[in-house]
Structures are given as structure tokens and as C-alpha cells.
Amino acid sequence: MLDEWAVYIRRKYGNKPLSSSTYLSEAEPFLEQYASQPCKPGFDWGCW
């Protein structure tokens, strides 16, 4: 999940430095998007 988070942030903001408040404000939309994805093979420990 951390890899996906890094890709999400990089795609949206590029390489510029971000404040902690930016990271926090992006967390909810990312987690909603991540939760709506189907489970990946080999990583089903978090799937319900």
C-alpha cells in the first residue's frame, strides 16, 4: 500500500516538497480509492 501511496502523490504533485498537511489532506481520497480496488493476488490478508 505504501508503494501505491507514493505513486499517487508523485503523479499528483511531482517531485516538489509537500507539507504534512498536504499529505494528510490527500490521505482520505487515496484510501477511498485504494479500498475500492479489488484485492490483489498474494495480498488478500486485508480483503474482507
PDB file of N, CA and C in Angstrom:
ATOM      1  N   MET A   1       0.821  -1.185   0.000  1.00  0.00           N
ATOM      2  CA  MET A   1       0.000   0.000   0.000  1.00  0.00           C
ATOM      3  C   MET A   1       0.873   1.260   0.000  1.00  0.00           C
ATOM      4  N   LEU A   2       2.015   1.215   0.666  1.00  0.00           N
ATOM      5  CA  LEU A   2       2.875   2.399   0.681  1.00  0.00           C
ATOM      6  C   LEU A   2       3.415   2.727  -0.702  1.00  0.00           C
ATOM      7  N   ASP A   3       3.673   1.691  -1.497  1.00  0.00           N
ATOM      8  CA  ASP A   3       4.119   1.936  -2.872  1.00  0.00           C
ATOM      9  C   ASP A   3       3.040   2.672  -3.661  1.00  0.00           C
ATOM     10  N   GLU A   4       1.803   2.233  -3.516  1.00  0.00           N
ATOM     11  CA  GLU A   4       0.698   2.881  -4.216  1.00  0.00           C
ATOM     12  C   GLU A   4       0.514   4.329  -3.749  1.00  0.00           C
ATOM     13  N   TRP A   5       0.710   4.550  -2.456  1.00  0.00           N
ATOM     14  CA  TRP A   5       0.607   5.899  -1.906  1.00  0.00           C
ATOM     15  C   TRP A   5       1.671   6.806  -2.535  1.00  0.00           C
ATOM     16  N   ALA A   6       2.893   6.302  -2.631  1.00  0.00           N
ATOM     17  CA  ALA A   6       3.982   7.085  -3.229  1.00  0.00           C
ATOM     18  C   ALA A   6       3.683   7.418  -4.688  1.00  0.00           C
ATOM     19  N   VAL A   7       3.168   6.453  -5.435  1.00  0.00           N
ATOM     20  CA  VAL A   7       2.828   6.688  -6.840  1.00  0.00           C
ATOM     21  C   VAL A   7       1.719   7.731  -6.942  1.00  0.00           C
ATOM     22  N   TYR A   8       0.712   7.618  -6.108  1.00  0.00           N
ATOM     23  CA  TYR A   8      -0.412   8.561  -6.101  1.00  0.00           C
ATOM     24  C   TYR A   8       0.079   9.996  -5.867  1.00  0.00           C
ATOM     25  N   ILE A   9       0.897  10.183  -4.849  1.00  0.00           N
ATOM     26  CA  ILE A   9       1.404  11.513  -4.518  1.00  0.00           C
ATOM     27  C   ILE A   9       2.306  12.043  -5.628  1.00  0.00           C
ATOM     28  N   ARG A  10       3.195  11.189  -6.147  1.00  0.00           N
ATOM     29  CA  ARG A  10       4.105  11.623  -7.221  1.00  0.00           C
ATOM     30  C   ARG A  10       3.344  12.032  -8.470  1.00  0.00           C
ATOM     31  N   ARG A  11       2.318  11.276  -8.819  1.00  0.00           N
ATOM     32  CA  ARG A  11       1.534  11.622 -10.012  1.00  0.00           C
ATOM     33  C   ARG A  11       0.817  12.953  -9.833  1.00  0.00           C
ATOM     34  N   LYS A  12       0.359  13.195  -8.646  1.00  0.00           N
ATOM     35  CA  LYS A  12      -0.425  14.403  -8.406  1.00  0.00           C
ATOM     36  C   LYS A  12       0.446  15.649  -8.210  1.00  0.00           C
ATOM     37  N   TYR A  13       1.589  15.490  -7.520  1.00  0.00           N
ATOM     38  CA  TYR A  13       2.389  16.654  -7.152  1.00  0.00           C
ATOM     39  C   TYR A  13       3.802  16.664  -7.729  1.00  0.00           C
ATOM     40  N   GLY A  14       4.211  15.594  -8.377  1.00  0.00           N
ATOM     41  CA  GLY A  14       5.575  15.553  -8.909  1.00  0.00           C
ATOM     42  C   GLY A  14       6.594  15.435  -7.788  1.00  0.00           C
ATOM     43  N   ASN A  15       7.740  16.045  -7.988  1.00  0.00           N
ATOM     44  CA  ASN A  15       8.836  15.925  -7.020  1.00  0.00           C
ATOM     45  C   ASN A  15       8.946  17.096  -6.056  1.00  0.00           C
ATOM     46  N   LYS A  16       7.990  18.011  -6.093  1.00  0.00           N
ATOM     47  CA  LYS A  16       8.117  19.169  -5.206  1.00  0.00           C
ATOM     48  C   LYS A  16       7.862  18.775  -3.748  1.00  0.00           C
ATOM     49  N   PRO A  17       8.522  19.450  -2.815  1.00  0.00           N
ATOM     50  CA  PRO A  17       8.326  19.147  -1.395  1.00  0.00           C
ATOM     51  C   PRO A  17       6.899  19.489  -0.954  1.00  0.00           C
ATOM     52  N   LEU A  18       6.363  18.659  -0.093  1.00  0.00           N
ATOM     53  CA  LEU A  18       4.988  18.856   0.376  1.00  0.00           C
ATOM     54  C   LEU A  18       4.963  19.003   1.890  1.00  0.00           C
ATOM     55  N   SER A  19       4.010  19.766   2.359  1.00  0.00           N
ATOM     56  CA  SER A  19       3.829  19.909   3.805  1.00  0.00           C
ATOM     57  C   SER A  19       3.090  18.690   4.348  1.00  0.00           C
ATOM     58  N   SER A  20       3.186  18.506   5.641  1.00  0.00           N
ATOM     59  CA  SER A  20       2.487  17.380   6.256  1.00  0.00           C
ATOM     60  C   SER A  20       0.975  17.536   6.114  1.00  0.00           C
ATOM     61  N   SER A  21       0.479  18.769   6.100  1.00  0.00           N
ATOM     62  CA  SER A  21      -0.965  18.963   5.940  1.00  0.00           C
ATOM     63  C   SER A  21      -1.429  18.528   4.548  1.00  0.00           C
ATOM     64  N   THR A  22      -0.574  18.683   3.536  1.00  0.00           N
ATOM     65  CA  THR A  22      -0.925  18.212   2.197  1.00  0.00           C
ATOM     66  C   THR A  22      -1.024  16.696   2.189  1.00  0.00           C
ATOM     67  N   TYR A  23      -0.048  16.035   2.809  1.00  0.00           N
ATOM     68  CA  TYR A  23      -0.101  14.576   2.889  1.00  0.00           C
ATOM     69  C   TYR A  23      -1.376  14.120   3.586  1.00  0.00           C
ATOM     70  N   LEU A  24      -1.719  14.778   4.675  1.00  0.00           N
ATOM     71  CA  LEU A  24      -2.920  14.387   5.418  1.00  0.00           C
ATOM     72  C   LEU A  24      -4.192  14.645   4.626  1.00  0.00           C
ATOM     73  N   SER A  25      -4.248  15.752   3.909  1.00  0.00           N
ATOM     74  CA  SER A  25      -5.459  16.048   3.141  1.00  0.00           C
ATOM     75  C   SER A  25      -5.630  15.091   1.966  1.00  0.00           C
ATOM     76  N   GLU A  26      -4.548  14.513   1.490  1.00  0.00           N
ATOM     77  CA  GLU A  26      -4.618  13.555   0.389  1.00  0.00           C
ATOM     78  C   GLU A  26      -4.871  12.129   0.860  1.00  0.00           C
ATOM     79  N   ALA A  27      -4.722  11.874   2.143  1.00  0.00           N
ATOM     80  CA  ALA A  27      -4.854  10.512   2.656  1.00  0.00           C
ATOM     81  C   ALA A  27      -6.259   9.949   2.452  1.00  0.00           C
ATOM     82  N   GLU A  28      -7.280  10.709   2.783  1.00  0.00           N
ATOM     83  CA  GLU A  28      -8.646  10.197   2.676  1.00  0.00           C
ATOM     84  C   GLU A  28      -9.030   9.836   1.242  1.00  0.00           C
ATOM     85  N   PRO A  29      -8.815  10.726   0.252  1.00  0.00           N
ATOM     86  CA  PRO A  29      -9.164  10.337  -1.119  1.00  0.00           C
ATOM     87  C   PRO A  29      -8.370   9.119  -1.601  1.00  0.00           C
ATOM     88  N   PHE A  30      -7.095   9.049  -1.208  1.00  0.00           N
ATOM     89  CA  PHE A  30      -6.289   7.897  -1.604  1.00  0.00           C
ATOM     90  C   PHE A  30      -6.839   6.617  -0.985  1.00  0.00           C
ATOM     91  N   LEU A  31      -7.133   6.643   0.300  1.00  0.00           N
ATOM     92  CA  LEU A  31      -7.623   5.439   0.977  1.00  0.00           C
ATOM     93  C   LEU A  31      -8.981   5.000   0.440  1.00  0.00           C
ATOM     94  N   GLU A  32      -9.834   5.941   0.097  1.00  0.00           N
ATOM     95  CA  GLU A  32     -11.121   5.583  -0.504  1.00  0.00           C
ATOM     96  C   GLU A  32     -10.911   4.898  -1.847  1.00  0.00           C
ATOM     97  N   GLN A  33     -10.011   5.447  -2.641  1.00  0.00           N
ATOM     98  CA  GLN A  33      -9.701   4.852  -3.940  1.00  0.00           C
ATOM     99  C   GLN A  33      -9.062   3.476  -3.761  1.00  0.00           C
ATOM    100  N   TYR A  34      -8.148   3.366  -2.821  1.00  0.00           N
ATOM    101  CA  TYR A  34      -7.449   2.103  -2.572  1.00  0.00           C
ATOM    102  C   TYR A  34      -8.427   1.030  -2.089  1.00  0.00           C
ATOM    103  N   ALA A  35      -9.347   1.413  -1.225  1.00  0.00           N
ATOM    104  CA  ALA A  35     -10.312   0.461  -0.674  1.00  0.00           C
ATOM    105  C   ALA A  35     -11.294  -0.040  -1.722  1.00  0.00           C
ATOM    106  N   SER A  36     -11.533   0.746  -2.754  1.00  0.00           N
ATOM    107  CA  SER A  36     -12.494   0.337  -3.778  1.00  0.00           C
ATOM    108  C   SER A  36     -11.890  -0.593  -4.826  1.00  0.00           C
ATOM    109  N   GLN A  37     -10.568  -0.770  -4.790  1.00  0.00           N
ATOM    110  CA  GLN A  37      -9.915  -1.660  -5.754  1.00  0.00           C
ATOM    111  C   GLN A  37     -10.128  -3.113  -5.344  1.00  0.00           C
ATOM    112  N   PRO A  38     -10.200  -4.008  -6.336  1.00  0.00           N
ATOM    113  CA  PRO A  38     -10.279  -5.430  -5.994  1.00  0.00           C
ATOM    114  C   PRO A  38      -8.978  -5.892  -5.352  1.00  0.00           C
ATOM    115  N   CYS A  39      -9.056  -6.937  -4.559  1.00  0.00           N
ATOM    116  CA  CYS A  39      -7.869  -7.473  -3.889  1.00  0.00           C
ATOM    117  C   CYS A  39      -6.877  -8.001  -4.910  1.00  0.00           C
ATOM    118  N   LYS A  40      -5.605  -7.835  -4.584  1.00  0.00           N
ATOM    119  CA  LYS A  40      -4.545  -8.310  -5.462  1.00  0.00           C
ATOM    120  C   LYS A  40      -4.120  -9.706  -5.024  1.00  0.00           C
ATOM    121  N   PRO A  41      -3.835 -10.583  -5.976  1.00  0.00           N
ATOM    122  CA  PRO A  41      -3.369 -11.929  -5.615  1.00  0.00           C
ATOM    123  C   PRO A  41      -2.115 -11.856  -4.745  1.00  0.00           C
ATOM    124  N   GLY A  42      -2.093 -12.656  -3.706  1.00  0.00           N
ATOM    125  CA  GLY A  42      -0.953 -12.681  -2.810  1.00  0.00           C
ATOM    126  C   GLY A  42      -1.023 -11.642  -1.704  1.00  0.00           C
ATOM    127  N   PHE A  43      -1.977 -10.728  -1.780  1.00  0.00           N
ATOM    128  CA  PHE A  43      -2.112  -9.683  -0.775  1.00  0.00           C
ATOM    129  C   PHE A  43      -3.526  -9.671  -0.211  1.00  0.00           C
ATOM    130  N   ASP A  44      -4.121 -10.828  -0.082  1.00  0.00           N
ATOM    131  CA  ASP A  44      -5.522 -10.900   0.335  1.00  0.00           C
ATOM    132  C   ASP A  44      -5.697 -10.850   1.848  1.00  0.00           C
ATOM    133  N   TRP A  45      -4.621 -10.634   2.599  1.00  0.00           N
ATOM    134  CA  TRP A  45      -4.755 -10.571   4.049  1.00  0.00           C
ATOM    135  C   TRP A  45      -5.593  -9.390   4.503  1.00  0.00           C
ATOM    136  N   GLY A  46      -5.717  -8.355   3.678  1.00  0.00           N
ATOM    137  CA  GLY A  46      -6.516  -7.199   4.056  1.00  0.00           C
ATOM    138  C   GLY A  46      -7.893  -7.191   3.431  1.00  0.00           C
ATOM    139  N   CYS A  47      -8.216  -8.236   2.684  1.00  0.00           N
ATOM    140  CA  CYS A  47      -9.506  -8.293   1.996  1.00  0.00           C
ATOM    141  C   CYS A  47     -10.558  -8.913   2.899  1.00  0.00           C
ATOM    142  N   TRP A  48     -11.760  -8.387   2.798  1.00  0.00           N
ATOM    143  CA  TRP A  48     -12.844  -8.919   3.635  1.00  0.00           C
ATOM    144  C   TRP A  48     -13.768  -9.689   2.801  1.00  0.00           C
TER     145      TRP A  48
END
